[in-house]
Amino acid sequence: MSAVYIARAIQVAARSLDGEMMIMSARDSTLFTLNPVATLIWQMADGETPLEEIVRRKVCAEFEVAPDEALRDAESFVNDLAGHGILLVSDEPIMIQEGMR
């Protein structure tokens, strides 16, 4: 299996409220409220760290979840947000220009 890299899209509105992220897609005006696990993945989506590493080093370290289950759930979450243009997904690192985030 090849690595999956994720990055936050630049055309979204995102705010943290009481530890949860509120994100609105510019593409279809869909509003998402992310739970603490999803918020952590969102915050770590730098385009340079593989999703599997984010799950292993951050999600599994902070939450009681098995690595395989956490990765499956993370992939589903990432694909859902990517479908709304909120996350970018690639099999190569994603270079986002500084100041564009």
N, C-alpha and C. Protein backbone atom coordinates (compact mmCIF):
# COMPACT_ATOMS: atom_id res chain seq x y z
N MET A 1 0.84 -1.18 0.00
CA MET A 1 0.00 0.00 0.00
C MET A 1 0.89 1.24 0.00
N SER A 2 0.55 2.20 -0.87
CA SER A 2 1.35 3.42 -0.93
C SER A 2 0.87 4.42 0.11
N ALA A 3 1.74 5.34 0.44
CA ALA A 3 1.43 6.36 1.44
C ALA A 3 0.36 7.31 0.89
N VAL A 4 -0.44 7.83 1.80
CA VAL A 4 -1.45 8.83 1.48
C VAL A 4 -1.11 10.09 2.25
N TYR A 5 -1.03 11.20 1.52
CA TYR A 5 -0.72 12.49 2.13
C TYR A 5 -1.97 13.37 2.08
N ILE A 6 -2.18 14.15 3.12
CA ILE A 6 -3.34 15.02 3.16
C ILE A 6 -2.92 16.44 3.52
N ALA A 7 -3.66 17.39 2.95
CA ALA A 7 -3.42 18.80 3.24
C ALA A 7 -4.76 19.52 3.29
N ARG A 8 -4.82 20.53 4.10
CA ARG A 8 -6.04 21.34 4.19
C ARG A 8 -6.16 22.18 2.92
N ALA A 9 -7.35 22.20 2.34
CA ALA A 9 -7.60 23.05 1.19
C ALA A 9 -7.58 24.50 1.64
N ILE A 10 -7.20 25.39 0.75
CA ILE A 10 -7.08 26.81 1.14
C ILE A 10 -8.40 27.55 1.06
N GLN A 11 -9.38 27.03 0.34
CA GLN A 11 -10.64 27.73 0.17
C GLN A 11 -11.73 27.16 1.08
N VAL A 12 -11.45 27.19 2.38
CA VAL A 12 -12.43 26.76 3.36
C VAL A 12 -12.43 27.78 4.51
N ALA A 13 -13.53 27.82 5.21
CA ALA A 13 -13.60 28.62 6.42
C ALA A 13 -13.54 27.64 7.58
N ALA A 14 -12.60 27.83 8.51
CA ALA A 14 -12.43 26.91 9.63
C ALA A 14 -12.18 27.70 10.91
N ARG A 15 -12.87 27.29 11.96
CA ARG A 15 -12.71 27.91 13.27
C ARG A 15 -12.79 26.83 14.34
N SER A 16 -12.00 27.01 15.39
CA SER A 16 -12.04 26.11 16.52
C SER A 16 -12.97 26.70 17.59
N LEU A 17 -13.93 25.90 18.03
CA LEU A 17 -14.86 26.31 19.07
C LEU A 17 -14.92 25.23 20.13
N ASP A 18 -14.45 25.54 21.32
CA ASP A 18 -14.47 24.59 22.44
C ASP A 18 -13.81 23.25 22.08
N GLY A 19 -12.68 23.31 21.37
CA GLY A 19 -11.93 22.11 21.06
C GLY A 19 -12.40 21.34 19.85
N GLU A 20 -13.46 21.80 19.19
CA GLU A 20 -13.93 21.16 17.97
C GLU A 20 -13.77 22.14 16.81
N MET A 21 -13.47 21.60 15.64
CA MET A 21 -13.33 22.43 14.45
C MET A 21 -14.67 22.51 13.74
N MET A 22 -15.00 23.71 13.31
CA MET A 22 -16.15 23.96 12.44
C MET A 22 -15.56 24.34 11.10
N ILE A 23 -15.93 23.60 10.06
CA ILE A 23 -15.35 23.83 8.73
C ILE A 23 -16.48 23.94 7.72
N MET A 24 -16.38 24.94 6.84
CA MET A 24 -17.36 25.08 5.78
C MET A 24 -16.66 24.97 4.43
N SER A 25 -17.24 24.15 3.59
CA SER A 25 -16.72 23.97 2.24
C SER A 25 -17.14 25.14 1.36
N ALA A 26 -16.17 25.74 0.69
CA ALA A 26 -16.47 26.82 -0.26
C ALA A 26 -17.14 26.27 -1.51
N ARG A 27 -16.89 24.99 -1.79
CA ARG A 27 -17.43 24.36 -2.99
C ARG A 27 -18.94 24.19 -2.92
N ASP A 28 -19.44 23.68 -1.78
CA ASP A 28 -20.88 23.39 -1.71
C ASP A 28 -21.55 23.91 -0.43
N SER A 29 -20.87 24.75 0.32
CA SER A 29 -21.39 25.36 1.56
C SER A 29 -21.80 24.35 2.62
N THR A 30 -21.25 23.15 2.56
CA THR A 30 -21.52 22.14 3.58
C THR A 30 -20.73 22.49 4.83
N LEU A 31 -21.39 22.42 5.98
CA LEU A 31 -20.77 22.71 7.26
C LEU A 31 -20.47 21.41 7.99
N PHE A 32 -19.25 21.28 8.49
CA PHE A 32 -18.83 20.10 9.24
C PHE A 32 -18.41 20.52 10.64
N THR A 33 -18.80 19.74 11.62
CA THR A 33 -18.30 19.88 12.98
C THR A 33 -17.47 18.64 13.25
N LEU A 34 -16.18 18.83 13.48
CA LEU A 34 -15.27 17.70 13.66
C LEU A 34 -15.15 17.33 15.13
N ASN A 35 -15.20 16.03 15.41
CA ASN A 35 -14.98 15.55 16.78
C ASN A 35 -13.49 15.69 17.10
N PRO A 36 -13.09 15.40 18.33
CA PRO A 36 -11.67 15.58 18.70
C PRO A 36 -10.68 14.78 17.84
N VAL A 37 -11.03 13.56 17.45
CA VAL A 37 -10.12 12.77 16.60
C VAL A 37 -10.00 13.40 15.23
N ALA A 38 -11.13 13.75 14.63
CA ALA A 38 -11.12 14.38 13.31
C ALA A 38 -10.41 15.73 13.36
N THR A 39 -10.60 16.47 14.44
CA THR A 39 -9.91 17.76 14.61
C THR A 39 -8.40 17.56 14.62
N LEU A 40 -7.93 16.54 15.32
CA LEU A 40 -6.50 16.25 15.37
C LEU A 40 -5.97 15.94 13.97
N ILE A 41 -6.69 15.12 13.22
CA ILE A 41 -6.27 14.78 11.85
C ILE A 41 -6.24 16.05 11.00
N TRP A 42 -7.27 16.88 11.11
CA TRP A 42 -7.33 18.14 10.37
C TRP A 42 -6.12 19.02 10.68
N GLN A 43 -5.81 19.15 11.97
CA GLN A 43 -4.69 20.00 12.38
C GLN A 43 -3.36 19.45 11.88
N MET A 44 -3.21 18.15 11.75
CA MET A 44 -1.97 17.54 11.32
C MET A 44 -1.85 17.43 9.79
N ALA A 45 -2.87 17.81 9.07
CA ALA A 45 -2.90 17.67 7.61
C ALA A 45 -2.01 18.74 6.97
N ASP A 46 -0.71 18.48 6.99
CA ASP A 46 0.27 19.46 6.49
C ASP A 46 0.76 19.17 5.08
N GLY A 47 0.28 18.09 4.48
CA GLY A 47 0.70 17.73 3.13
C GLY A 47 2.03 17.01 3.08
N GLU A 48 2.73 16.94 4.19
CA GLU A 48 4.06 16.32 4.23
C GLU A 48 4.10 15.04 5.07
N THR A 49 3.16 14.89 6.00
CA THR A 49 3.15 13.74 6.88
C THR A 49 2.13 12.74 6.37
N PRO A 50 2.53 11.49 6.11
CA PRO A 50 1.58 10.49 5.63
C PRO A 50 0.45 10.27 6.65
N LEU A 51 -0.74 10.02 6.16
CA LEU A 51 -1.90 9.78 7.02
C LEU A 51 -1.62 8.65 8.01
N GLU A 52 -1.00 7.58 7.56
CA GLU A 52 -0.72 6.46 8.45
C GLU A 52 0.16 6.89 9.63
N GLU A 53 1.10 7.78 9.38
CA GLU A 53 1.96 8.28 10.46
C GLU A 53 1.18 9.16 11.43
N ILE A 54 0.29 9.99 10.89
CA ILE A 54 -0.56 10.83 11.75
C ILE A 54 -1.38 9.95 12.67
N VAL A 55 -1.96 8.91 12.10
CA VAL A 55 -2.79 7.99 12.89
C VAL A 55 -1.95 7.28 13.95
N ARG A 56 -0.82 6.75 13.55
CA ARG A 56 0.02 5.97 14.47
C ARG A 56 0.61 6.85 15.57
N ARG A 57 1.19 7.98 15.19
CA ARG A 57 1.91 8.82 16.16
C ARG A 57 1.01 9.73 16.99
N LYS A 58 -0.11 10.14 16.43
CA LYS A 58 -0.96 11.12 17.13
C LYS A 58 -2.27 10.51 17.61
N VAL A 59 -3.06 9.97 16.68
CA VAL A 59 -4.39 9.47 17.03
C VAL A 59 -4.29 8.32 18.03
N CYS A 60 -3.49 7.31 17.71
CA CYS A 60 -3.38 6.15 18.61
C CYS A 60 -2.71 6.51 19.93
N ALA A 61 -1.86 7.52 19.91
CA ALA A 61 -1.19 7.94 21.14
C ALA A 61 -2.13 8.71 22.08
N GLU A 62 -3.09 9.44 21.51
CA GLU A 62 -3.97 10.27 22.33
C GLU A 62 -5.33 9.64 22.61
N PHE A 63 -5.72 8.67 21.82
CA PHE A 63 -7.04 8.05 21.97
C PHE A 63 -6.88 6.53 22.03
N GLU A 64 -7.73 5.89 22.77
CA GLU A 64 -7.67 4.43 22.89
C GLU A 64 -8.35 3.80 21.69
N VAL A 65 -7.55 3.50 20.67
CA VAL A 65 -8.08 2.90 19.44
C VAL A 65 -6.99 2.05 18.81
N ALA A 66 -7.40 0.93 18.23
CA ALA A 66 -6.46 0.05 17.55
C ALA A 66 -5.98 0.70 16.25
N PRO A 67 -4.71 0.56 15.93
CA PRO A 67 -4.16 1.21 14.72
C PRO A 67 -4.92 0.89 13.43
N ASP A 68 -5.28 -0.38 13.21
CA ASP A 68 -5.99 -0.73 11.97
C ASP A 68 -7.36 -0.07 11.90
N GLU A 69 -8.07 -0.09 13.01
CA GLU A 69 -9.39 0.54 13.06
C GLU A 69 -9.27 2.06 12.88
N ALA A 70 -8.29 2.65 13.55
CA ALA A 70 -8.08 4.10 13.45
C ALA A 70 -7.76 4.51 12.02
N LEU A 71 -6.93 3.73 11.34
CA LEU A 71 -6.55 4.07 9.97
C LEU A 71 -7.75 3.94 9.04
N ARG A 72 -8.55 2.88 9.20
CA ARG A 72 -9.76 2.73 8.36
C ARG A 72 -10.70 3.92 8.55
N ASP A 73 -10.93 4.28 9.81
CA ASP A 73 -11.81 5.41 10.09
C ASP A 73 -11.24 6.71 9.54
N ALA A 74 -9.93 6.91 9.69
CA ALA A 74 -9.28 8.12 9.18
C ALA A 74 -9.38 8.20 7.67
N GLU A 75 -9.18 7.09 6.98
CA GLU A 75 -9.28 7.08 5.52
C GLU A 75 -10.69 7.44 5.07
N SER A 76 -11.70 6.92 5.76
CA SER A 76 -13.08 7.23 5.43
C SER A 76 -13.37 8.71 5.64
N PHE A 77 -12.93 9.24 6.77
CA PHE A 77 -13.11 10.66 7.10
C PHE A 77 -12.41 11.53 6.05
N VAL A 78 -11.17 11.21 5.72
CA VAL A 78 -10.39 11.99 4.77
C VAL A 78 -11.06 11.97 3.39
N ASN A 79 -11.52 10.81 2.95
CA ASN A 79 -12.17 10.72 1.65
C ASN A 79 -13.47 11.52 1.62
N ASP A 80 -14.21 11.53 2.73
CA ASP A 80 -15.44 12.31 2.80
C ASP A 80 -15.13 13.80 2.66
N LEU A 81 -14.17 14.29 3.42
CA LEU A 81 -13.82 15.71 3.33
C LEU A 81 -13.21 16.07 1.98
N ALA A 82 -12.44 15.16 1.41
CA ALA A 82 -11.86 15.40 0.09
C ALA A 82 -12.97 15.54 -0.96
N GLY A 83 -14.04 14.75 -0.80
CA GLY A 83 -15.17 14.83 -1.72
C GLY A 83 -15.87 16.18 -1.70
N HIS A 84 -15.72 16.91 -0.60
CA HIS A 84 -16.30 18.24 -0.47
C HIS A 84 -15.28 19.34 -0.73
N GLY A 85 -14.06 18.97 -1.13
CA GLY A 85 -13.03 19.96 -1.44
C GLY A 85 -12.39 20.56 -0.21
N ILE A 86 -12.54 19.92 0.96
CA ILE A 86 -12.00 20.45 2.21
C ILE A 86 -10.58 19.96 2.47
N LEU A 87 -10.29 18.75 2.07
CA LEU A 87 -8.94 18.20 2.19
C LEU A 87 -8.44 17.81 0.80
N LEU A 88 -7.15 17.94 0.60
CA LEU A 88 -6.49 17.47 -0.60
C LEU A 88 -5.83 16.14 -0.26
N VAL A 89 -5.92 15.17 -1.15
CA VAL A 89 -5.37 13.84 -0.93
C VAL A 89 -4.48 13.48 -2.11
N SER A 90 -3.29 12.92 -1.81
CA SER A 90 -2.35 12.56 -2.86
C SER A 90 -1.49 11.38 -2.41
N ASP A 91 -0.92 10.67 -3.38
CA ASP A 91 0.02 9.61 -3.04
C ASP A 91 1.45 10.14 -2.99
N GLU A 92 1.59 11.46 -3.12
CA GLU A 92 2.88 12.14 -3.00
C GLU A 92 2.71 13.33 -2.05
N PRO A 93 3.78 13.79 -1.41
CA PRO A 93 3.65 14.98 -0.57
C PRO A 93 3.03 16.14 -1.33
N ILE A 94 2.23 16.92 -0.64
CA ILE A 94 1.51 18.05 -1.24
C ILE A 94 2.18 19.32 -0.78
N MET A 95 2.67 20.09 -1.72
CA MET A 95 3.34 21.34 -1.39
C MET A 95 2.34 22.48 -1.43
N ILE A 96 2.09 23.07 -0.28
CA ILE A 96 1.21 24.23 -0.17
C ILE A 96 2.09 25.43 0.11
N GLN A 97 1.92 26.50 -0.68
CA GLN A 97 2.75 27.68 -0.49
C GLN A 97 2.45 28.31 0.86
N GLU A 98 3.50 28.71 1.57
CA GLU A 98 3.32 29.40 2.85
C GLU A 98 2.49 30.65 2.61
N GLY A 99 1.68 30.96 3.56
CA GLY A 99 0.81 32.11 3.43
C GLY A 99 -0.49 31.79 2.70
N MET A 100 -0.57 30.60 2.11
CA MET A 100 -1.76 30.21 1.40
C MET A 100 -2.72 29.43 2.28
N ARG A 101 -2.30 29.04 3.49
CA ARG A 101 -3.16 28.25 4.38
C ARG A 101 -4.03 29.13 5.19
